[in-house]
Amino acid sequence: MDDKTRLVSISALNSNPTQTMADISTSAADKKEKEYFTSIPQEAPGFFLKGSHQYDWGLKNRLSKVFNPKDGRTVMLAFDHGYFQGPTTGLERVDQTILPLEPYADCLMLTRGIQRSVIPASTQKAIALRASGGTSMVSPFEEWEGELDGKKVKFGRPGFEPLSNESTALNIEEAIRLNASVLAVQVFIGSAYERQSLKNLTDLVDAASRYGIAVMGVTAVGRAMARTAQYFRLATRIMAELGANVVKCYYTEEDFETVTSCCPVPIVIAGGKKLPELEALSMCYNAIQQGANGVDMGRNIFQSDAPISMMQAVRGVVHEGLTPEQGFQMYNDLKTKGTK
């Protein structure tokens, strides 16, 4: 392949980064129509949580702190964004914005720096500890300018995602010292550093399993991520097959029940960007109805006009069976009463 052909190939891949993802719907093994068995729950004899019945006592106990044994669901409060975004909106002062929300969460997802500096050691909430990192929002892309057919064009490495170049950010002894129930690791399926992020996951699984600590694989946002059921079936299944005890991904409007059915361990959904409150509550409700075991939300709570009210409304939808409309009514009622 000459240089001109190579540059054209790179440019074409950059124009559609998802085309490098395996097209699992057209592989030879998938010519037979898929069966997802979405109407048949996966059994977990003797334990309340999907895929967890054969774990050791300590790991089961830690998962029972994250997920409510009465309904098998969780409301995780994610505020680990600062590990690559710095003081993003709503997290400028964690002591002022997050601590008032702590009583309404089942689990706190955070970094070790915030846990030690802000979170009271008296908290009874489960800890999901951010365990990967090493890049930031200003990490540079590898891009350069060149010429093609006499015209200036911009080129870049196909699949390259600066944020995907993470390593593990703590060791297992630190996780034990901080009494973590879960270690959260970012996984970038389809990126240039896919292999490294998967190795981060497996390294943490190997270390954490020796001490009965769970590992949550987090589907990372990036140019390679397609917000489709096909992509999330691929990403969540890979993480579960490599040993993740819990998986976090985004909700999809179409076929999300196939994602949860294909994944043999619990899925919690990410909140993602800030949505209007009713939309966020509808996303929670639909995800739970389609097999998710909970939510791990951040911006849709701490960036709300009334975060405490929103936090309680999300709990109502996840744990109390409220519809989105009922949850929204709860939010407005609490907000009217002065609950911030």
Protein backbone atom coordinates (compact mmCIF):
# COMPACT_ATOMS: atom_id res chain seq x y z
CA MET A 1 0.00 0.00 0.00
CA ASP A 2 1.54 3.36 -1.05
CA ASP A 3 1.42 6.46 1.17
CA LYS A 4 -1.44 8.05 -0.74
CA THR A 5 -3.62 4.96 -0.41
CA ARG A 6 -2.73 4.63 3.26
CA LEU A 7 -3.71 8.24 4.01
CA VAL A 8 -7.00 7.85 2.18
CA SER A 9 -7.73 4.74 4.27
CA ILE A 10 -6.97 6.61 7.49
CA SER A 11 -9.19 9.51 6.46
CA ALA A 12 -12.05 7.21 5.55
CA LEU A 13 -11.86 5.41 8.87
CA ASN A 14 -11.87 8.68 10.77
CA SER A 15 -15.01 9.79 8.97
CA ASN A 16 -16.85 6.76 10.39
CA PRO A 17 -15.02 5.41 13.44
CA THR A 18 -17.71 2.84 14.23
CA GLN A 19 -17.19 0.97 10.96
CA THR A 20 -14.17 -0.78 12.49
CA MET A 21 -16.47 -2.44 15.02
CA ALA A 22 -17.20 -6.07 14.26
CA ASP A 23 -20.50 -6.31 12.43
CA ILE A 24 -21.79 -9.12 14.59
CA SER A 25 -25.13 -9.23 12.77
CA THR A 26 -23.55 -10.46 9.52
CA SER A 27 -20.94 -12.94 10.73
CA ALA A 28 -21.24 -16.50 9.50
CA ALA A 29 -22.12 -17.80 12.96
CA ASP A 30 -24.97 -15.31 13.19
CA LYS A 31 -26.82 -16.20 9.99
CA LYS A 32 -29.38 -17.97 12.13
CA GLU A 33 -31.80 -15.48 13.67
CA LYS A 34 -30.73 -14.58 17.20
CA GLU A 35 -32.73 -15.65 20.23
CA TYR A 36 -32.36 -13.35 23.23
CA PHE A 37 -34.88 -15.07 25.54
CA THR A 38 -35.87 -11.67 26.92
CA SER A 39 -39.00 -13.07 28.58
CA ILE A 40 -37.09 -15.70 30.60
CA PRO A 41 -35.21 -14.36 33.65
CA GLN A 42 -31.77 -15.77 34.33
CA GLU A 43 -31.90 -17.93 37.46
CA ALA A 44 -29.70 -17.29 40.50
CA PRO A 45 -30.57 -20.11 42.95
CA GLY A 46 -30.26 -19.11 46.60
CA PHE A 47 -29.31 -15.47 45.97
CA PHE A 48 -31.21 -12.38 44.91
CA LEU A 49 -28.83 -11.03 42.28
CA LYS A 50 -28.36 -12.19 38.71
CA GLY A 51 -25.13 -14.05 38.02
CA SER A 52 -23.93 -13.78 41.62
CA HIS A 53 -25.17 -16.94 43.33
CA GLN A 54 -21.87 -18.86 43.05
CA TYR A 55 -19.64 -16.19 44.58
CA ASP A 56 -17.95 -16.41 47.97
CA TRP A 57 -19.66 -15.03 51.08
CA GLY A 58 -17.63 -11.82 51.24
CA LEU A 59 -18.33 -10.83 47.64
CA LYS A 60 -22.03 -11.59 48.05
CA ASN A 61 -22.09 -9.46 51.19
CA ARG A 62 -20.48 -6.52 49.42
CA LEU A 63 -22.89 -6.79 46.51
CA SER A 64 -25.75 -6.86 49.04
CA LYS A 65 -24.62 -3.42 50.20
CA VAL A 66 -24.65 -2.07 46.64
CA PHE A 67 -27.93 -3.71 45.56
CA ASN A 68 -30.96 -3.79 47.84
CA PRO A 69 -31.65 -7.48 48.61
CA LYS A 70 -35.41 -6.76 48.70
CA ASP A 71 -35.64 -5.84 45.02
CA GLY A 72 -32.16 -6.48 43.58
CA ARG A 73 -31.81 -2.85 42.50
CA THR A 74 -29.51 0.06 43.26
CA VAL A 75 -29.36 3.83 43.04
CA MET A 76 -25.70 4.68 42.67
CA LEU A 77 -24.65 8.32 42.86
CA ALA A 78 -21.78 8.98 40.46
CA PHE A 79 -19.53 11.95 41.17
CA ASP A 80 -16.14 10.67 40.02
CA HIS A 81 -16.11 12.99 36.99
CA GLY A 82 -13.29 15.09 38.39
CA TYR A 83 -10.72 12.36 37.72
CA PHE A 84 -10.57 13.55 34.10
CA GLN A 85 -12.86 16.64 33.94
CA GLY A 86 -11.74 18.54 37.01
CA PRO A 87 -14.38 20.66 38.84
CA THR A 88 -17.22 20.18 36.35
CA THR A 89 -20.55 21.97 36.84
CA GLY A 90 -22.21 20.75 40.03
CA LEU A 91 -19.00 19.33 41.47
CA GLU A 92 -17.11 22.54 42.18
CA ARG A 93 -17.56 21.86 45.91
CA VAL A 94 -18.39 18.24 46.58
CA ASP A 95 -18.91 18.92 50.28
CA GLN A 96 -21.70 21.37 49.43
CA THR A 97 -23.40 19.60 46.53
CA ILE A 98 -22.93 15.86 47.13
CA LEU A 99 -22.99 15.35 50.89
CA PRO A 100 -26.66 16.44 51.12
CA LEU A 101 -27.50 13.69 48.59
CA GLU A 102 -25.64 10.91 50.41
CA PRO A 103 -28.57 9.78 52.60
CA TYR A 104 -30.66 8.92 49.52
CA ALA A 105 -28.03 6.85 47.66
CA ASP A 106 -27.39 3.12 47.97
CA CYS A 107 -23.83 3.45 46.74
CA LEU A 108 -21.35 6.29 46.20
CA MET A 109 -19.18 6.16 43.05
CA LEU A 110 -16.13 8.34 43.62
CA THR A 111 -12.36 8.68 43.55
CA ARG A 112 -10.11 7.90 46.48
CA GLY A 113 -9.10 11.55 46.73
CA ILE A 114 -12.67 12.72 47.28
CA GLN A 115 -13.44 9.78 49.57
CA ARG A 116 -10.57 10.66 51.89
CA SER A 117 -10.95 14.43 51.78
CA VAL A 118 -14.74 14.89 51.83
CA ILE A 119 -16.79 11.77 52.62
CA PRO A 120 -17.28 11.12 56.37
CA ALA A 121 -15.89 7.78 57.49
CA SER A 122 -19.16 7.29 59.36
CA THR A 123 -21.10 6.78 56.11
CA GLN A 124 -22.94 3.50 55.85
CA LYS A 125 -23.19 3.63 52.07
CA ALA A 126 -21.44 1.17 49.79
CA ILE A 127 -18.36 2.52 48.03
CA ALA A 128 -17.75 2.12 44.29
CA LEU A 129 -14.17 3.29 43.91
CA ARG A 130 -12.83 4.67 40.64
CA ALA A 131 -9.87 2.42 39.83
CA SER A 132 -8.69 3.59 36.41
CA GLY A 133 -7.43 6.90 35.09
CA GLY A 134 -4.41 8.73 33.77
CA THR A 135 -5.79 11.02 31.06
CA SER A 136 -7.80 14.25 30.97
CA MET A 137 -10.19 16.28 28.85
CA VAL A 138 -7.23 18.17 27.38
CA SER A 139 -5.24 15.09 26.36
CA PRO A 140 -4.20 15.83 22.75
CA PHE A 141 -5.47 13.97 19.70
CA GLU A 142 -2.85 12.69 17.25
CA GLU A 143 -3.85 14.72 14.20
CA TRP A 144 -1.84 16.31 11.47
CA GLU A 145 -2.35 18.21 8.23
CA GLY A 146 -1.29 17.03 4.82
CA GLU A 147 -2.18 17.21 1.17
CA LEU A 148 -4.27 14.89 -0.95
CA ASP A 149 -4.84 15.55 -4.65
CA GLY A 150 -3.43 19.02 -4.14
CA LYS A 151 -5.84 19.89 -1.31
CA LYS A 152 -5.06 20.39 2.36
CA VAL A 153 -6.68 17.74 4.55
CA LYS A 154 -6.50 16.70 8.22
CA PHE A 155 -5.49 13.18 9.11
CA GLY A 156 -5.55 11.19 12.33
CA ARG A 157 -5.03 7.70 13.66
CA PRO A 158 -8.12 5.53 13.16
CA GLY A 159 -9.75 4.60 16.45
CA PHE A 160 -7.41 6.84 18.44
CA GLU A 161 -9.05 8.22 21.57
CA PRO A 162 -6.73 10.07 24.00
CA LEU A 163 -9.01 9.42 26.97
CA SER A 164 -8.83 5.68 26.34
CA ASN A 165 -5.14 5.53 27.27
CA GLU A 166 -5.88 4.75 30.93
CA SER A 167 -4.07 2.57 33.41
CA THR A 168 -5.14 1.24 36.78
CA ALA A 169 -5.18 4.10 39.27
CA LEU A 170 -4.81 2.22 42.56
CA ASN A 171 -3.78 -1.15 43.92
CA ILE A 172 -5.85 -3.69 45.80
CA GLU A 173 -4.36 -2.79 49.18
CA GLU A 174 -5.66 0.76 48.75
CA ALA A 175 -9.11 -0.56 47.86
CA ILE A 176 -9.11 -2.65 51.03
CA ARG A 177 -8.00 0.32 53.16
CA LEU A 178 -10.89 2.36 51.75
CA ASN A 179 -13.38 -0.48 52.33
CA ALA A 180 -14.52 -0.53 48.71
CA SER A 181 -17.40 -2.78 47.76
CA VAL A 182 -16.82 -2.27 44.03
CA LEU A 183 -13.92 -1.13 41.86
CA ALA A 184 -14.97 0.76 38.71
CA VAL A 185 -12.80 0.54 35.60
CA GLN A 186 -13.37 2.28 32.27
CA VAL A 187 -13.38 0.03 29.18
CA PHE A 188 -13.05 1.46 25.68
CA ILE A 189 -14.36 -1.12 23.23
CA GLY A 190 -13.32 -0.26 19.69
CA SER A 191 -10.70 2.35 20.59
CA ALA A 192 -6.97 2.29 19.92
CA TYR A 193 -6.36 1.39 23.58
CA GLU A 194 -9.10 -1.24 23.80
CA ARG A 195 -6.60 -3.96 24.74
CA GLN A 196 -5.04 -1.88 27.51
CA SER A 197 -8.41 -0.99 29.02
CA LEU A 198 -9.48 -4.64 28.96
CA LYS A 199 -6.20 -5.61 30.62
CA ASN A 200 -6.93 -3.02 33.31
CA LEU A 201 -10.24 -4.79 33.85
CA THR A 202 -8.78 -8.30 34.05
CA ASP A 203 -5.91 -7.19 36.28
CA LEU A 204 -8.39 -5.69 38.73
CA VAL A 205 -10.64 -8.76 38.56
CA ASP A 206 -7.68 -10.98 39.42
CA ALA A 207 -6.64 -8.79 42.35
CA ALA A 208 -10.12 -8.01 43.68
CA SER A 209 -11.42 -11.57 43.53
CA ARG A 210 -8.74 -12.65 46.01
CA TYR A 211 -10.39 -10.42 48.62
CA GLY A 212 -14.07 -10.67 47.71
CA ILE A 213 -14.31 -7.20 46.15
CA ALA A 214 -16.50 -6.69 43.08
CA VAL A 215 -15.38 -5.09 39.82
CA MET A 216 -17.67 -2.98 37.64
CA GLY A 217 -16.79 -2.61 33.97
CA VAL A 218 -17.86 0.82 32.71
CA THR A 219 -18.64 1.25 29.02
CA ALA A 220 -16.65 4.34 28.13
CA VAL A 221 -17.85 7.25 26.02
CA GLY A 222 -15.67 7.79 22.97
CA ARG A 223 -15.62 8.17 19.22
CA ALA A 224 -15.80 4.37 18.87
CA MET A 225 -18.90 4.06 21.04
CA ALA A 226 -22.13 3.66 19.09
CA ARG A 227 -25.29 4.25 21.12
CA THR A 228 -26.94 1.12 19.77
CA ALA A 229 -28.08 -2.13 21.33
CA GLN A 230 -25.65 -3.97 19.06
CA TYR A 231 -22.65 -2.06 20.44
CA PHE A 232 -23.75 -2.43 24.07
CA ARG A 233 -24.46 -6.15 23.64
CA LEU A 234 -20.88 -6.48 22.45
CA ALA A 235 -19.29 -4.29 25.12
CA THR A 236 -21.22 -5.57 28.13
CA ARG A 237 -20.82 -9.22 27.17
CA ILE A 238 -17.06 -8.84 26.68
CA MET A 239 -16.68 -7.28 30.13
CA ALA A 240 -18.84 -9.93 31.79
CA GLU A 241 -16.98 -12.75 30.03
CA LEU A 242 -13.67 -11.33 31.27
CA GLY A 243 -14.88 -11.36 34.85
CA ALA A 244 -16.70 -8.12 35.63
CA ASN A 245 -19.26 -8.68 38.41
CA VAL A 246 -21.34 -5.65 37.40
CA VAL A 247 -21.48 -3.74 34.12
CA LYS A 248 -22.43 -0.13 33.46
CA CYS A 249 -23.66 1.06 30.07
CA TYR A 250 -26.07 3.50 28.47
CA TYR A 251 -29.75 2.96 27.86
CA THR A 252 -30.95 2.62 24.27
CA GLU A 253 -34.45 3.43 23.08
CA GLU A 254 -34.54 0.30 20.92
CA ASP A 255 -33.85 -3.30 21.99
CA PHE A 256 -32.34 -2.52 25.39
CA GLU A 257 -33.94 -5.69 26.75
CA THR A 258 -31.62 -7.66 24.46
CA VAL A 259 -28.61 -5.99 26.11
CA THR A 260 -29.69 -6.97 29.62
CA SER A 261 -30.72 -10.46 28.55
CA CYS A 262 -27.37 -11.18 26.87
CA CYS A 263 -25.33 -9.97 29.84
CA PRO A 264 -25.02 -12.65 32.56
CA VAL A 265 -24.27 -10.14 35.35
CA PRO A 266 -26.24 -7.09 36.59
CA ILE A 267 -26.35 -3.99 34.41
CA VAL A 268 -26.73 -0.49 35.78
CA ILE A 269 -27.34 2.37 33.40
CA ALA A 270 -25.35 5.57 33.17
CA GLY A 271 -27.28 8.81 33.34
CA GLY A 272 -25.16 10.59 30.75
CA LYS A 273 -25.69 14.22 29.88
CA LYS A 274 -28.22 16.33 31.75
CA LEU A 275 -31.79 15.73 30.60
CA PRO A 276 -35.06 17.37 31.61
CA GLU A 277 -36.21 15.70 34.82
CA LEU A 278 -39.18 13.84 33.31
CA GLU A 279 -36.98 12.45 30.52
CA ALA A 280 -34.37 11.28 33.02
CA LEU A 281 -37.02 9.57 35.14
CA SER A 282 -38.50 7.93 32.05
CA MET A 283 -35.07 6.60 31.12
CA CYS A 284 -34.69 5.11 34.62
CA TYR A 285 -38.14 3.54 34.49
CA ASN A 286 -37.72 2.06 31.01
CA ALA A 287 -34.30 0.64 31.82
CA ILE A 288 -35.60 -1.07 34.96
CA GLN A 289 -38.61 -2.46 33.09
CA GLN A 290 -36.24 -3.87 30.47
CA GLY A 291 -33.98 -5.70 32.87
CA ALA A 292 -31.50 -3.22 34.34
CA ASN A 293 -30.66 -3.68 38.02
CA GLY A 294 -30.36 0.00 38.74
CA VAL A 295 -28.92 3.35 37.79
CA ASP A 296 -25.59 5.06 38.31
CA MET A 297 -26.49 8.71 37.82
CA GLY A 298 -24.57 11.91 38.31
CA ARG A 299 -25.30 14.97 36.18
CA ASN A 300 -29.03 14.26 36.01
CA ILE A 301 -29.06 14.59 39.78
CA PHE A 302 -26.40 17.06 40.90
CA GLN A 303 -27.05 19.41 37.94
CA SER A 304 -30.81 19.40 38.56
CA ASP A 305 -32.49 22.59 39.81
CA ALA A 306 -33.45 20.62 42.94
CA PRO A 307 -30.91 17.78 43.37
CA ILE A 308 -32.32 16.35 46.61
CA SER A 309 -35.82 16.29 45.17
CA MET A 310 -34.54 14.60 42.02
CA MET A 311 -32.56 12.08 44.02
CA GLN A 312 -35.67 11.06 45.94
CA ALA A 313 -37.71 10.86 42.74
CA VAL A 314 -35.13 8.55 41.16
CA ARG A 315 -35.30 6.35 44.28
CA GLY A 316 -39.08 6.30 43.93
CA VAL A 317 -38.86 5.02 40.37
CA VAL A 318 -36.10 2.46 41.03
CA HIS A 319 -37.15 1.11 44.44
CA GLU A 320 -40.80 2.03 44.92
CA GLY A 321 -42.19 1.24 41.49
CA LEU A 322 -43.27 4.78 40.64
CA THR A 323 -44.03 5.58 37.02
CA PRO A 324 -42.08 8.45 35.43
CA GLU A 325 -45.10 10.70 35.82
CA GLN A 326 -45.47 9.80 39.51
CA GLY A 327 -41.76 10.36 40.04
CA PHE A 328 -41.96 13.73 38.33
CA GLN A 329 -44.91 14.66 40.51
CA MET A 330 -42.87 13.71 43.58
CA TYR A 331 -40.00 15.86 42.30
CA ASN A 332 -42.26 18.88 41.81
CA ASP A 333 -44.03 18.40 45.15
CA LEU A 334 -40.74 18.22 47.03
CA LYS A 335 -39.36 21.16 45.09
CA THR A 336 -42.47 23.22 45.90
CA LYS A 337 -42.03 22.42 49.59
CA GLY A 338 -38.54 23.88 49.42
CA THR A 339 -36.49 20.70 49.10
CA LYS A 340 -33.46 21.74 47.06
